[in-house]
Amino acid sequence: MEAMKDKLKAHFLKFGPRRFVVLTVLTLLMTDLINCYYLKLYWLSKNMSLTLVKQTLTRSGQLVEGLSPSTIQEMTGFVSNAFYFFIFIILVNNLFFYLFYLRRKLWAQGFILFYVLTGAILQLGFVFDNSGMGYGWLAYNLLTVPYYIYLFLGVKLLKAETTDISPASGKKAR
């Protein structure tokens, strides 16, 4: 097991720790944008805004038919904008951690590790989910799962080389 770990670490060190971090951040940004694109496609294909408005009105005892089309359009526009804002907040949050990972912060690396591990699990779930998103979504998920696992191993094995801890003591470098 230790020999495999050393071989993997040597593989990741071939890139150079700094280059690995930069490539990791760039590709994670790219996958975030692709994920957002597919989320938007899914949202629009299922007409989620209208569905949520109708469900909310039904639960509150209102009749959808009693509202004008312009009111329904306004409400669905509000729900869509809330969804897009939520996606924007997620992107800003991820960018925050990516930037601090570039600055060698150990706590940001912890986020990256958690993110790619849970991302691999979620993408694997999407492989088996029949969301009606087509073969592009399926292919993307099939490619992303091993890539996220690859990043997880690289980030984990290059912990000392890519963060602000000293390799010998495991403590923060000054």
Protein backbone atom coordinates (compact mmCIF):
# COMPACT_ATOMS: atom_id res chain seq x y z
CA MET A 1 0.00 0.00 0.00
CA GLU A 2 2.81 2.38 0.89
CA ALA A 3 4.57 1.62 -2.42
CA MET A 4 1.39 2.50 -4.33
CA LYS A 5 1.07 5.71 -2.36
CA ASP A 6 4.68 6.65 -3.18
CA LYS A 7 4.14 5.93 -6.89
CA LEU A 8 1.00 8.04 -6.96
CA LYS A 9 2.73 10.89 -5.14
CA ALA A 10 5.64 10.75 -7.59
CA HIS A 11 3.11 10.89 -10.43
CA PHE A 12 1.51 14.04 -9.02
CA LEU A 13 4.89 15.62 -8.26
CA LYS A 14 5.81 15.32 -11.96
CA PHE A 15 3.35 18.14 -12.60
CA GLY A 16 4.95 20.24 -9.89
CA PRO A 17 2.89 21.09 -6.81
CA ARG A 18 2.09 24.64 -7.91
CA ARG A 19 1.07 23.62 -11.40
CA PHE A 20 -1.10 20.85 -9.97
CA VAL A 21 -2.92 23.34 -7.74
CA VAL A 22 -3.47 25.79 -10.58
CA LEU A 23 -4.73 23.06 -12.93
CA THR A 24 -6.97 21.70 -10.18
CA VAL A 25 -8.55 25.10 -9.60
CA LEU A 26 -9.00 25.79 -13.31
CA THR A 27 -10.60 22.43 -14.01
CA LEU A 28 -12.83 22.68 -10.96
CA LEU A 29 -14.01 26.08 -12.19
CA MET A 30 -14.70 24.54 -15.56
CA THR A 31 -16.66 21.61 -14.08
CA ASP A 32 -18.60 24.04 -11.89
CA LEU A 33 -19.64 26.00 -14.96
CA ILE A 34 -20.61 22.85 -16.84
CA ASN A 35 -22.61 21.65 -13.83
CA CYS A 36 -24.40 25.02 -13.68
CA TYR A 37 -25.16 24.82 -17.39
CA TYR A 38 -26.74 21.39 -16.99
CA LEU A 39 -28.62 22.47 -13.88
CA LYS A 40 -30.07 25.37 -15.86
CA LEU A 41 -31.02 23.04 -18.72
CA TYR A 42 -32.71 20.69 -16.26
CA TRP A 43 -34.51 23.58 -14.55
CA LEU A 44 -35.82 24.86 -17.87
CA SER A 45 -36.68 21.45 -19.35
CA LYS A 46 -38.81 20.53 -16.35
CA ASN A 47 -40.30 24.05 -16.12
CA MET A 48 -39.41 23.99 -12.43
CA SER A 49 -40.36 27.62 -11.78
CA LEU A 50 -43.95 27.09 -12.86
CA THR A 51 -44.13 23.77 -11.03
CA LEU A 52 -42.94 25.38 -7.79
CA VAL A 53 -45.32 28.31 -8.15
CA LYS A 54 -48.27 25.95 -8.74
CA GLN A 55 -47.28 23.78 -5.75
CA THR A 56 -46.94 26.83 -3.50
CA LEU A 57 -50.28 28.23 -4.57
CA THR A 58 -52.01 24.87 -4.12
CA ARG A 59 -50.57 24.43 -0.62
CA SER A 60 -51.74 27.88 0.38
CA GLY A 61 -55.26 27.19 -0.89
CA GLN A 62 -55.04 29.52 -3.89
CA LEU A 63 -56.32 28.64 -7.34
CA VAL A 64 -53.79 29.02 -10.13
CA GLU A 65 -56.60 29.70 -12.57
CA GLY A 66 -57.65 32.71 -10.48
CA LEU A 67 -54.43 34.57 -11.28
CA SER A 68 -53.67 36.46 -14.44
CA PRO A 69 -50.99 35.17 -16.83
CA SER A 70 -48.85 38.22 -16.08
CA THR A 71 -48.98 37.45 -12.34
CA ILE A 72 -47.98 33.84 -12.99
CA GLN A 73 -45.19 35.07 -15.28
CA GLU A 74 -43.95 37.46 -12.58
CA MET A 75 -43.99 34.73 -9.95
CA THR A 76 -42.17 32.23 -12.16
CA GLY A 77 -39.64 34.91 -13.07
CA PHE A 78 -39.02 35.55 -9.38
CA VAL A 79 -38.52 31.83 -8.69
CA SER A 80 -36.18 31.50 -11.69
CA ASN A 81 -34.14 34.49 -10.54
CA ALA A 82 -33.92 33.02 -7.04
CA PHE A 83 -32.62 29.78 -8.55
CA TYR A 84 -30.03 31.62 -10.65
CA PHE A 85 -28.96 33.65 -7.63
CA PHE A 86 -28.54 30.44 -5.63
CA ILE A 87 -26.32 29.04 -8.39
CA PHE A 88 -24.33 32.29 -8.40
CA ILE A 89 -23.82 32.10 -4.62
CA ILE A 90 -22.54 28.53 -4.94
CA LEU A 91 -20.07 29.61 -7.62
CA VAL A 92 -18.86 32.54 -5.51
CA ASN A 93 -18.47 30.24 -2.49
CA ASN A 94 -16.44 27.73 -4.50
CA LEU A 95 -14.32 30.49 -6.01
CA PHE A 96 -13.57 31.76 -2.49
CA PHE A 97 -12.17 28.38 -1.48
CA TYR A 98 -10.35 27.92 -4.79
CA LEU A 99 -8.57 31.24 -4.37
CA PHE A 100 -7.47 30.36 -0.85
CA TYR A 101 -6.34 26.94 -2.03
CA LEU A 102 -4.16 28.82 -4.52
CA ARG A 103 -2.83 30.76 -1.51
CA ARG A 104 -1.80 27.47 0.15
CA LYS A 105 -4.37 27.49 2.98
CA LEU A 106 -4.88 24.11 4.63
CA TRP A 107 -8.52 24.80 5.49
CA ALA A 108 -9.25 25.56 1.83
CA GLN A 109 -7.61 22.29 0.85
CA GLY A 110 -9.98 20.53 3.23
CA PHE A 111 -12.90 22.04 1.32
CA ILE A 112 -11.40 20.92 -2.00
CA LEU A 113 -10.99 17.37 -0.67
CA PHE A 114 -14.57 17.27 0.57
CA TYR A 115 -15.86 18.89 -2.61
CA VAL A 116 -14.23 16.47 -5.05
CA LEU A 117 -15.11 13.42 -2.97
CA THR A 118 -18.78 14.36 -2.64
CA GLY A 119 -18.74 15.55 -6.25
CA ALA A 120 -17.59 12.10 -7.39
CA ILE A 121 -20.37 10.46 -5.37
CA LEU A 122 -23.03 12.84 -6.72
CA GLN A 123 -21.83 12.50 -10.31
CA LEU A 124 -21.95 8.72 -9.91
CA GLY A 125 -25.52 9.06 -8.70
CA PHE A 126 -26.34 11.12 -11.78
CA VAL A 127 -25.02 8.31 -13.98
CA PHE A 128 -27.86 6.11 -12.70
CA ASP A 129 -30.44 8.90 -12.53
CA ASN A 130 -32.78 9.13 -15.48
CA SER A 131 -33.16 12.88 -15.55
CA GLY A 132 -33.77 13.03 -19.28
CA MET A 133 -30.69 15.19 -19.86
CA GLY A 134 -29.37 13.09 -22.73
CA TYR A 135 -26.11 11.42 -23.59
CA GLY A 136 -24.01 14.55 -23.12
CA TRP A 137 -24.92 14.65 -19.42
CA LEU A 138 -24.30 10.91 -19.07
CA ALA A 139 -20.89 11.13 -20.78
CA TYR A 140 -19.95 14.16 -18.70
CA ASN A 141 -20.79 12.32 -15.47
CA LEU A 142 -18.95 9.18 -16.56
CA LEU A 143 -15.83 11.26 -17.22
CA THR A 144 -16.15 13.44 -14.14
CA VAL A 145 -16.32 10.64 -11.56
CA PRO A 146 -12.79 9.28 -12.22
CA TYR A 147 -11.47 12.81 -12.64
CA TYR A 148 -12.80 13.89 -9.23
CA ILE A 149 -11.28 10.76 -7.68
CA TYR A 150 -7.98 11.58 -9.41
CA LEU A 151 -8.08 15.12 -8.00
CA PHE A 152 -8.94 13.79 -4.55
CA LEU A 153 -5.86 11.56 -4.57
CA GLY A 154 -3.62 14.35 -5.85
CA VAL A 155 -4.83 16.94 -3.36
CA LYS A 156 -4.57 14.42 -0.51
CA LEU A 157 -1.08 13.20 -1.42
CA LEU A 158 0.35 16.67 -2.06
CA LYS A 159 -0.95 18.11 1.21
CA ALA A 160 2.45 19.17 2.53
CA GLU A 161 3.65 20.50 -0.83
CA THR A 162 0.57 22.57 -1.59
CA THR A 163 -0.40 24.09 1.76
CA ASP A 164 1.13 26.33 4.41
CA ILE A 165 2.24 23.48 6.69
CA SER A 166 5.84 22.37 6.92
CA PRO A 167 6.32 18.82 5.60
CA ALA A 168 8.48 17.62 8.50
CA SER A 169 6.40 18.62 11.50
CA GLY A 170 2.91 18.85 10.06
CA LYS A 171 2.60 22.30 11.71
CA LYS A 172 1.97 25.61 10.05
CA ALA A 173 5.01 27.22 8.52
CA ARG A 174 5.75 30.78 9.57
